[in-house]
C-alpha atoms as a PDB file:
ATOM      1  CA  MET A   1       0.018  -0.402  -0.094  1.00  0.00           C
ATOM      2  CA  LYS A   2       2.856   2.324   0.613  1.00  0.00           C
ATOM      3  CA  ARG A   3       4.266   1.913  -2.446  1.00  0.00           C
ATOM      4  CA  LEU A   4       1.104   2.415  -4.132  1.00  0.00           C
ATOM      5  CA  ALA A   5       1.173   5.718  -2.136  1.00  0.00           C
ATOM      6  CA  ARG A   6       4.406   6.872  -3.402  1.00  0.00           C
ATOM      7  CA  GLU A   7       4.101   5.632  -7.067  1.00  0.00           C
ATOM      8  CA  GLY A   8       1.049   7.576  -7.149  1.00  0.00           C
ATOM      9  CA  LEU A   9       2.036  10.953  -5.451  1.00  0.00           C
ATOM     10  CA  VAL A  10       5.093  10.904  -8.095  1.00  0.00           C
ATOM     11  CA  LEU A  11       2.276  10.434 -10.529  1.00  0.00           C
ATOM     12  CA  VAL A  12       0.628  13.130  -9.775  1.00  0.00           C
ATOM     13  CA  ILE A  13       3.671  15.116  -9.387  1.00  0.00           C
ATOM     14  CA  ALA A  14       4.826  14.563 -13.004  1.00  0.00           C
ATOM     15  CA  VAL A  15       1.067  14.911 -14.076  1.00  0.00           C
ATOM     16  CA  ILE A  16       0.528  18.701 -12.501  1.00  0.00           C
ATOM     17  CA  PRO A  17       2.422  20.662 -15.311  1.00  0.00           C
ATOM     18  CA  PHE A  18       0.283  19.109 -18.313  1.00  0.00           C
ATOM     19  CA  LEU A  19      -2.439  19.531 -16.519  1.00  0.00           C
ATOM     20  CA  THR A  20      -2.487  23.383 -15.538  1.00  0.00           C
ATOM     21  CA  ASN A  21      -1.593  23.989 -19.046  1.00  0.00           C
ATOM     22  CA  GLY A  22       1.747  26.071 -18.609  1.00  0.00           C
ATOM     23  CA  ILE A  23      -0.396  28.004 -15.518  1.00  0.00           C
ATOM     24  CA  VAL A  24       2.344  26.266 -13.485  1.00  0.00           C
ATOM     25  CA  GLN A  25       5.590  25.632 -15.476  1.00  0.00           C
ATOM     26  CA  ALA A  26       8.175  23.009 -15.029  1.00  0.00           C
ATOM     27  CA  PRO A  27      11.331  24.283 -14.839  1.00  0.00           C
ATOM     28  CA  ALA A  28      13.483  25.092 -17.974  1.00  0.00           C
ATOM     29  CA  ALA A  29      16.093  22.750 -17.026  1.00  0.00           C
ATOM     30  CA  SER A  30      13.544  19.871 -17.469  1.00  0.00           C
ATOM     31  CA  ALA A  31      11.930  21.311 -20.111  1.00  0.00           C
ATOM     32  CA  GLN A  32      14.861  21.255 -21.807  1.00  0.00           C
ATOM     33  CA  GLY A  33      16.025  18.053 -20.945  1.00  0.00           C
ATOM     34  CA  GLY A  34      18.010  18.772 -18.064  1.00  0.00           C
ATOM     35  CA  GLY A  35      20.810  21.202 -18.865  1.00  0.00           C
ATOM     36  CA  ASP A  36      23.820  21.584 -17.018  1.00  0.00           C
ATOM     37  CA  ILE A  37      23.436  25.051 -15.062  1.00  0.00           C
ATOM     38  CA  GLY A  38      27.611  24.891 -14.159  1.00  0.00           C
ATOM     39  CA  ARG A  39      27.818  25.102 -17.808  1.00  0.00           C
ATOM     40  CA  GLY A  40      25.436  27.357 -19.196  1.00  0.00           C
ATOM     41  CA  ARG A  41      26.689  30.129 -17.011  1.00  0.00           C
ATOM     42  CA  ALA A  42      29.944  29.414 -18.270  1.00  0.00           C
ATOM     43  CA  LEU A  43      28.577  29.754 -21.639  1.00  0.00           C
ATOM     44  CA  TYR A  44      26.233  33.079 -21.155  1.00  0.00           C
ATOM     45  CA  ASP A  45      29.441  34.630 -19.609  1.00  0.00           C
ATOM     46  CA  GLY A  46      31.420  33.531 -22.442  1.00  0.00           C
ATOM     47  CA  ARG A  47      29.020  33.785 -25.624  1.00  0.00           C
ATOM     48  CA  CYS A  48      26.499  36.406 -24.256  1.00  0.00           C
ATOM     49  CA  GLY A  49      28.011  38.677 -21.740  1.00  0.00           C
ATOM     50  CA  GLY A  50      30.273  40.761 -24.214  1.00  0.00           C
ATOM     51  CA  CYS A  51      26.289  42.264 -25.137  1.00  0.00           C
ATOM     52  CA  HIS A  52      24.258  41.347 -22.114  1.00  0.00           C
ATOM     53  CA  SER A  53      24.380  41.042 -18.188  1.00  0.00           C
ATOM     54  CA  LEU A  54      21.489  39.782 -15.577  1.00  0.00           C
ATOM     55  CA  ASP A  55      20.971  42.843 -14.222  1.00  0.00           C
ATOM     56  CA  VAL A  56      22.406  45.714 -16.821  1.00  0.00           C
ATOM     57  CA  ASN A  57      21.091  46.587 -20.253  1.00  0.00           C
ATOM     58  CA  ARG A  58      24.101  46.762 -22.440  1.00  0.00           C
ATOM     59  CA  THR A  59      24.168  46.812 -26.224  1.00  0.00           C
ATOM     60  CA  GLY A  60      21.732  43.900 -25.484  1.00  0.00           C
ATOM     61  CA  PRO A  61      18.661  44.092 -22.929  1.00  0.00           C
ATOM     62  CA  ARG A  62      19.369  42.634 -19.463  1.00  0.00           C
ATOM     63  CA  HIS A  63      18.209  39.240 -18.754  1.00  0.00           C
ATOM     64  CA  ARG A  64      17.617  38.137 -14.742  1.00  0.00           C
ATOM     65  CA  GLY A  65      13.845  37.175 -14.728  1.00  0.00           C
ATOM     66  CA  VAL A  66      13.917  36.544 -18.668  1.00  0.00           C
ATOM     67  CA  ILE A  67      11.664  33.485 -19.133  1.00  0.00           C
ATOM     68  CA  GLY A  68       8.107  34.173 -18.379  1.00  0.00           C
ATOM     69  CA  ARG A  69       8.828  37.746 -19.287  1.00  0.00           C
ATOM     70  CA  ARG A  70       6.836  39.503 -21.939  1.00  0.00           C
ATOM     71  CA  VAL A  71       9.197  39.644 -25.772  1.00  0.00           C
ATOM     72  CA  ALA A  72      10.976  43.642 -25.307  1.00  0.00           C
ATOM     73  CA  SER A  73       9.463  44.376 -22.463  1.00  0.00           C
ATOM     74  CA  THR A  74      12.684  45.252 -20.542  1.00  0.00           C
ATOM     75  CA  ASP A  75      12.459  48.821 -18.884  1.00  0.00           C
ATOM     76  CA  GLY A  76      15.059  50.933 -19.906  1.00  0.00           C
ATOM     77  CA  TYR A  77      16.266  49.169 -23.463  1.00  0.00           C
ATOM     78  CA  ASP A  78      15.418  50.609 -26.704  1.00  0.00           C
ATOM     79  CA  TYR A  79      14.311  47.173 -28.563  1.00  0.00           C
ATOM     80  CA  SER A  80      14.367  46.962 -32.658  1.00  0.00           C
ATOM     81  CA  PRO A  81      11.010  47.485 -34.280  1.00  0.00           C
ATOM     82  CA  ALA A  82      11.552  44.197 -35.570  1.00  0.00           C
ATOM     83  CA  LEU A  83      11.573  42.341 -32.155  1.00  0.00           C
ATOM     84  CA  ARG A  84       8.911  44.388 -30.475  1.00  0.00           C
ATOM     85  CA  ARG A  85       6.350  43.149 -33.305  1.00  0.00           C
ATOM     86  CA  VAL A  86       7.334  39.648 -32.044  1.00  0.00           C
ATOM     87  CA  GLY A  87       4.812  39.629 -29.181  1.00  0.00           C
ATOM     88  CA  GLY A  88       4.174  36.843 -26.872  1.00  0.00           C
ATOM     89  CA  VAL A  89       6.168  35.795 -23.756  1.00  0.00           C
ATOM     90  CA  TRP A  90       9.619  34.345 -23.769  1.00  0.00           C
ATOM     91  CA  THR A  91       9.552  30.263 -22.484  1.00  0.00           C
ATOM     92  CA  PRO A  92      12.651  27.953 -22.964  1.00  0.00           C
ATOM     93  CA  ASP A  93      11.589  26.892 -26.304  1.00  0.00           C
ATOM     94  CA  ARG A  94      11.099  30.369 -27.710  1.00  0.00           C
ATOM     95  CA  LEU A  95      14.349  31.138 -26.267  1.00  0.00           C
ATOM     96  CA  ASP A  96      15.723  27.835 -27.864  1.00  0.00           C
ATOM     97  CA  ALA A  97      14.167  29.307 -31.160  1.00  0.00           C
ATOM     98  CA  TRP A  98      15.974  32.633 -30.948  1.00  0.00           C
ATOM     99  CA  LEU A  99      19.157  31.122 -30.171  1.00  0.00           C
ATOM    100  CA  GLN A 100      19.074  28.824 -33.555  1.00  0.00           C
ATOM    101  CA  GLY A 101      18.615  32.136 -35.364  1.00  0.00           C
ATOM    102  CA  PRO A 102      17.116  35.532 -34.212  1.00  0.00           C
ATOM    103  CA  GLN A 103      17.149  36.980 -37.722  1.00  0.00           C
ATOM    104  CA  ARG A 104      14.701  34.200 -38.854  1.00  0.00           C
ATOM    105  CA  MET A 105      12.495  34.858 -35.963  1.00  0.00           C
ATOM    106  CA  ALA A 106      12.415  38.750 -35.882  1.00  0.00           C
ATOM    107  CA  PRO A 107      14.471  39.791 -39.268  1.00  0.00           C
ATOM    108  CA  GLY A 108      15.843  43.567 -38.591  1.00  0.00           C
ATOM    109  CA  SER A 109      16.473  42.837 -35.385  1.00  0.00           C
ATOM    110  CA  ARG A 110      19.773  43.668 -33.788  1.00  0.00           C
ATOM    111  CA  MET A 111      21.336  40.362 -32.624  1.00  0.00           C
ATOM    112  CA  TYR A 112      23.058  37.624 -35.293  1.00  0.00           C
ATOM    113  CA  LEU A 113      24.448  35.847 -32.797  1.00  0.00           C
ATOM    114  CA  THR A 114      23.503  32.464 -32.695  1.00  0.00           C
ATOM    115  CA  VAL A 115      24.080  29.153 -30.633  1.00  0.00           C
ATOM    116  CA  PRO A 116      24.255  26.266 -33.413  1.00  0.00           C
ATOM    117  CA  ASP A 117      24.570  23.727 -30.874  1.00  0.00           C
ATOM    118  CA  THR A 118      21.809  22.197 -29.397  1.00  0.00           C
ATOM    119  CA  ASN A 119      23.238  21.040 -25.873  1.00  0.00           C
ATOM    120  CA  GLN A 120      24.797  24.816 -25.445  1.00  0.00           C
ATOM    121  CA  ARG A 121      21.379  26.302 -25.750  1.00  0.00           C
ATOM    122  CA  ARG A 122      19.930  23.755 -23.737  1.00  0.00           C
ATOM    123  CA  ASP A 123      23.181  24.840 -20.834  1.00  0.00           C
ATOM    124  CA  ILE A 124      22.610  28.436 -21.574  1.00  0.00           C
ATOM    125  CA  ILE A 125      18.778  28.121 -20.931  1.00  0.00           C
ATOM    126  CA  ALA A 126      18.697  26.143 -17.964  1.00  0.00           C
ATOM    127  CA  TYR A 127      21.389  28.746 -16.748  1.00  0.00           C
ATOM    128  CA  LEU A 128      18.783  31.674 -17.287  1.00  0.00           C
ATOM    129  CA  ALA A 129      15.667  29.831 -15.897  1.00  0.00           C
ATOM    130  CA  THR A 130      18.024  29.890 -12.439  1.00  0.00           C
ATOM    131  CA  THR A 131      17.416  33.631 -12.609  1.00  0.00           C
ATOM    132  CA  ASP A 132      14.633  35.592 -11.208  1.00  0.00           C
ATOM    133  CA  GLY A 133      13.223  38.712 -11.792  1.00  0.00           C
ATOM    134  CA  SER A 134      14.392  40.637  -9.069  1.00  0.00           C
ATOM    135  CA  GLU A 135      17.954  42.580  -9.501  1.00  0.00           C
ATOM    136  CA  ARG A 136      20.669  41.721  -7.241  1.00  0.00           C
END
């Protein structure tokens, strides 16, 4: 009986994200197949850090809390008209598509850098999922 109760609990926990239809989302690392957060941070610093940071707008907008945030909505950043037209919310899947080809998603946007490696994208997104919306 205890075994069935444990298995039932595991099933309920596994099914909740699907039943809530995105209201409660599974962590992005899970959604991206369990990316390596430490590797993602190093990749973010090395590949993205020249134009972006978590807390300060630079050439590109700040990224703390990007997952779940409306596209082109960071205060104090002047987005390109191309990105403002995209609309919607940044999800792990959308970030994955963006990193594969920002010019495909928003032709005329200011970002040209791509991350062609699936594992690197997954790791970067897993790292970004660990940041929340509060500035540090």
